[in-house]
Amino acid sequence: MGTLNEPGRLATSPRWVAPVFAVLGAATVPWTVYLAMTLPAHANTHHYRLTWVGFDTMLIVVLLATAYLAWRGNRFVGLLATITATMLVVDAWFDVNTSNHADRPVAILSAALVELPLAAVCGWIALHVDQVIERRLRRLTRRAARLSGIAETESTAPARARAAQTCAVTPAVGDEQAGRPSDSPG
């Protein structure tokens, strides 16, 4: 739980987080400028295939984990959806920027039609995690009610049939006491 540092405001993280991350962000600017000026335009890598297969394997894992947590209505689906969205954007970025001239149109179409829209859906899930969980719980409640009704019907149907048979075979209590013949045969 966070602590109150202003009236009516709940702290969501320790006080040191904001300044430390601001300094880290600012310190990354000169590093990025340095890389922009010194990195070669082209590079041969030794583990190019391993890098992409490893990244795509991790992407598969977070996609499946997001799907599973959404299906279960787990509150951590927002966290996984955020991770998935981030990985999809990174995947689109590197697919487009590392593809050769001939493959670039396919990479752009894949980014525009698959990866970025899916990242947007994941972003929506992350921002609306309460609605995602609420919908799942409503579906589960309706399903439980429906299954309960089926189970109740199945358990009471034989009892009703037995009761109907019993009523047809045995005379009603009031009929014998009143001296009236019962409707049942025998």
Protein backbone atom coordinates (compact mmCIF):
# COMPACT_ATOMS: atom_id res chain seq x y z
CA MET A 1 0.00 0.00 0.00
CA GLY A 2 1.13 3.54 -0.67
CA THR A 3 1.38 6.26 1.91
CA LEU A 4 -0.39 9.59 2.07
CA ASN A 5 1.96 12.44 1.22
CA GLU A 6 -0.70 15.03 0.40
CA PRO A 7 -4.23 15.24 1.77
CA GLY A 8 -6.51 13.12 -0.40
CA ARG A 9 -3.69 11.73 -2.54
CA LEU A 10 -2.35 8.20 -2.26
CA ALA A 11 1.31 7.73 -3.24
CA THR A 12 1.63 5.02 -5.88
CA SER A 13 5.40 4.62 -5.65
CA PRO A 14 8.24 5.67 -3.35
CA ARG A 15 9.31 9.31 -3.62
CA TRP A 16 12.73 8.46 -5.05
CA VAL A 17 11.32 6.75 -8.16
CA ALA A 18 10.33 9.89 -10.09
CA PRO A 19 13.64 11.77 -9.69
CA VAL A 20 15.77 8.68 -10.32
CA PHE A 21 13.91 7.82 -13.52
CA ALA A 22 13.99 11.45 -14.65
CA VAL A 23 17.79 11.45 -14.24
CA LEU A 24 18.06 8.11 -16.06
CA GLY A 25 15.94 9.42 -18.93
CA ALA A 26 18.01 12.60 -19.17
CA ALA A 27 21.26 10.63 -19.01
CA THR A 28 20.10 8.45 -21.90
CA VAL A 29 19.78 11.44 -24.25
CA PRO A 30 23.55 12.00 -24.70
CA TRP A 31 24.10 8.24 -25.01
CA THR A 32 21.50 8.09 -27.79
CA VAL A 33 23.11 11.02 -29.58
CA TYR A 34 26.51 9.30 -29.26
CA LEU A 35 25.09 6.06 -30.73
CA ALA A 36 23.45 7.98 -33.58
CA MET A 37 26.83 9.48 -34.53
CA THR A 38 29.03 6.40 -34.04
CA LEU A 39 27.09 3.24 -34.89
CA PRO A 40 27.58 1.87 -38.40
CA ALA A 41 24.64 2.03 -40.81
CA HIS A 42 25.01 -1.70 -41.52
CA ALA A 43 26.19 -4.50 -39.27
CA ASN A 44 26.67 -8.25 -39.52
CA THR A 45 25.63 -10.10 -36.41
CA HIS A 46 26.59 -13.58 -35.32
CA HIS A 47 23.33 -14.45 -33.57
CA TYR A 48 20.75 -12.70 -35.76
CA ARG A 49 18.49 -15.77 -36.10
CA LEU A 50 18.75 -16.61 -32.40
CA THR A 51 17.90 -13.02 -31.49
CA TRP A 52 14.73 -12.94 -33.59
CA VAL A 53 13.56 -16.47 -32.72
CA GLY A 54 14.21 -15.76 -29.03
CA PHE A 55 12.31 -12.48 -29.17
CA ASP A 56 9.38 -14.01 -31.04
CA THR A 57 9.30 -16.91 -28.57
CA MET A 58 9.06 -14.44 -25.70
CA LEU A 59 6.32 -12.60 -27.62
CA ILE A 60 4.39 -15.86 -27.99
CA VAL A 61 4.70 -16.46 -24.23
CA VAL A 62 3.37 -13.01 -23.29
CA LEU A 63 0.56 -13.21 -25.88
CA LEU A 64 -0.56 -16.57 -24.48
CA ALA A 65 -0.16 -15.39 -20.88
CA THR A 66 -2.25 -12.30 -21.64
CA ALA A 67 -4.92 -14.47 -23.27
CA TYR A 68 -4.95 -16.86 -20.31
CA LEU A 69 -5.16 -14.13 -17.68
CA ALA A 70 -7.93 -12.35 -19.63
CA TRP A 71 -9.85 -15.63 -19.94
CA ARG A 72 -9.45 -16.26 -16.21
CA GLY A 73 -10.39 -12.68 -15.31
CA ASN A 74 -7.13 -12.27 -13.39
CA ARG A 75 -6.24 -8.78 -12.19
CA PHE A 76 -2.68 -9.16 -13.54
CA VAL A 77 -3.98 -9.15 -17.13
CA GLY A 78 -3.33 -5.39 -17.27
CA LEU A 79 0.34 -5.87 -16.46
CA LEU A 80 0.76 -8.63 -19.05
CA ALA A 81 -1.18 -6.62 -21.64
CA THR A 82 1.22 -3.70 -21.09
CA ILE A 83 4.21 -5.99 -21.57
CA THR A 84 2.63 -7.51 -24.68
CA ALA A 85 1.84 -4.09 -26.17
CA THR A 86 5.41 -2.96 -25.58
CA MET A 87 6.85 -6.07 -27.19
CA LEU A 88 4.54 -5.74 -30.20
CA VAL A 89 5.61 -2.12 -30.78
CA VAL A 90 9.28 -3.09 -30.44
CA ASP A 91 8.73 -6.02 -32.82
CA ALA A 92 7.10 -3.74 -35.41
CA TRP A 93 9.89 -1.18 -35.07
CA PHE A 94 12.71 -3.66 -35.55
CA ASP A 95 10.91 -5.63 -38.28
CA VAL A 96 10.54 -2.48 -40.35
CA ASN A 97 13.99 -1.09 -39.63
CA THR A 98 15.98 -4.30 -40.05
CA SER A 99 14.23 -5.57 -43.17
CA ASN A 100 15.95 -5.29 -46.51
CA HIS A 101 14.51 -3.14 -49.28
CA ALA A 102 12.55 -6.01 -50.85
CA ASP A 103 10.99 -7.16 -47.55
CA ARG A 104 10.19 -3.71 -46.18
CA PRO A 105 6.64 -3.41 -47.66
CA VAL A 106 5.63 -6.69 -46.01
CA ALA A 107 7.17 -5.54 -42.72
CA ILE A 108 5.28 -2.23 -42.92
CA LEU A 109 1.99 -3.98 -43.71
CA SER A 110 2.55 -6.45 -40.88
CA ALA A 111 3.25 -3.60 -38.48
CA ALA A 112 0.28 -1.52 -39.67
CA LEU A 113 -2.26 -4.34 -39.90
CA VAL A 114 -1.23 -6.76 -37.16
CA GLU A 115 1.36 -5.70 -34.59
CA LEU A 116 0.36 -2.09 -33.93
CA PRO A 117 -3.43 -2.73 -33.86
CA LEU A 118 -2.86 -5.66 -31.51
CA ALA A 119 -0.65 -3.43 -29.36
CA ALA A 120 -3.52 -0.90 -29.26
CA VAL A 121 -5.92 -3.64 -28.10
CA CYS A 122 -3.43 -4.63 -25.40
CA GLY A 123 -3.19 -0.98 -24.38
CA TRP A 124 -6.98 -0.83 -24.13
CA ILE A 125 -6.97 -3.97 -21.95
CA ALA A 126 -4.32 -2.45 -19.69
CA LEU A 127 -6.29 0.78 -19.31
CA HIS A 128 -9.64 -1.00 -18.83
CA VAL A 129 -8.56 -4.02 -16.81
CA ASP A 130 -11.50 -3.61 -14.42
CA GLN A 131 -13.98 -3.86 -17.30
CA VAL A 132 -12.19 -6.92 -18.71
CA ILE A 133 -12.37 -8.66 -15.34
CA GLU A 134 -15.98 -7.59 -14.75
CA ARG A 135 -17.06 -9.00 -18.14
CA ARG A 136 -15.34 -12.29 -17.39
CA LEU A 137 -17.00 -12.52 -13.98
CA ARG A 138 -20.43 -11.78 -15.50
CA ARG A 139 -19.94 -14.54 -18.07
CA LEU A 140 -18.86 -16.96 -15.35
CA THR A 141 -21.86 -16.01 -13.20
CA ARG A 142 -24.28 -16.56 -16.11
CA ARG A 143 -22.62 -19.87 -16.90
CA ALA A 144 -22.76 -20.99 -13.26
CA ALA A 145 -26.44 -20.02 -13.07
CA ARG A 146 -27.18 -21.87 -16.28
CA LEU A 147 -25.29 -24.96 -15.10
CA SER A 148 -26.99 -24.74 -11.72
CA GLY A 149 -30.38 -24.63 -13.45
CA ILE A 150 -29.47 -27.66 -15.54
CA ALA A 151 -28.24 -29.56 -12.48
CA GLU A 152 -31.37 -28.59 -10.56
CA THR A 153 -33.59 -29.69 -13.43
CA GLU A 154 -31.72 -32.98 -13.75
CA SER A 155 -31.87 -33.68 -10.02
CA THR A 156 -35.55 -32.73 -9.62
CA ALA A 157 -36.91 -34.37 -12.79
CA PRO A 158 -36.48 -37.95 -11.46
CA ALA A 159 -37.92 -36.89 -8.11
CA ARG A 160 -40.95 -35.38 -9.86
CA ALA A 161 -41.43 -38.54 -11.92
CA ARG A 162 -41.27 -40.70 -8.77
CA ALA A 163 -43.71 -38.40 -7.00
CA ALA A 164 -46.10 -38.55 -9.95
CA GLN A 165 -45.92 -42.35 -9.96
CA THR A 166 -46.46 -42.49 -6.22
CA CYS A 167 -49.49 -40.20 -6.43
CA ALA A 168 -51.00 -42.30 -9.19
CA VAL A 169 -50.57 -45.58 -7.27
CA THR A 170 -51.43 -44.61 -3.70
CA PRO A 171 -54.67 -42.97 -2.66
CA ALA A 172 -54.64 -39.47 -1.34
CA VAL A 173 -54.77 -39.31 2.45
CA GLY A 174 -57.90 -37.19 2.52
CA ASP A 175 -59.81 -39.53 0.18
CA GLU A 176 -59.59 -42.60 2.44
CA GLN A 177 -60.39 -40.68 5.57
CA ALA A 178 -63.48 -39.12 4.00
CA GLY A 179 -64.70 -42.53 2.91
CA ARG A 180 -64.36 -41.66 -0.76
CA PRO A 181 -62.85 -44.12 -3.15
CA SER A 182 -59.50 -43.12 -4.51
CA ASP A 183 -58.87 -42.48 -8.17
CA SER A 184 -56.04 -44.96 -8.27
CA PRO A 185 -56.62 -48.41 -9.59
CA GLY A 186 -56.36 -51.36 -7.29
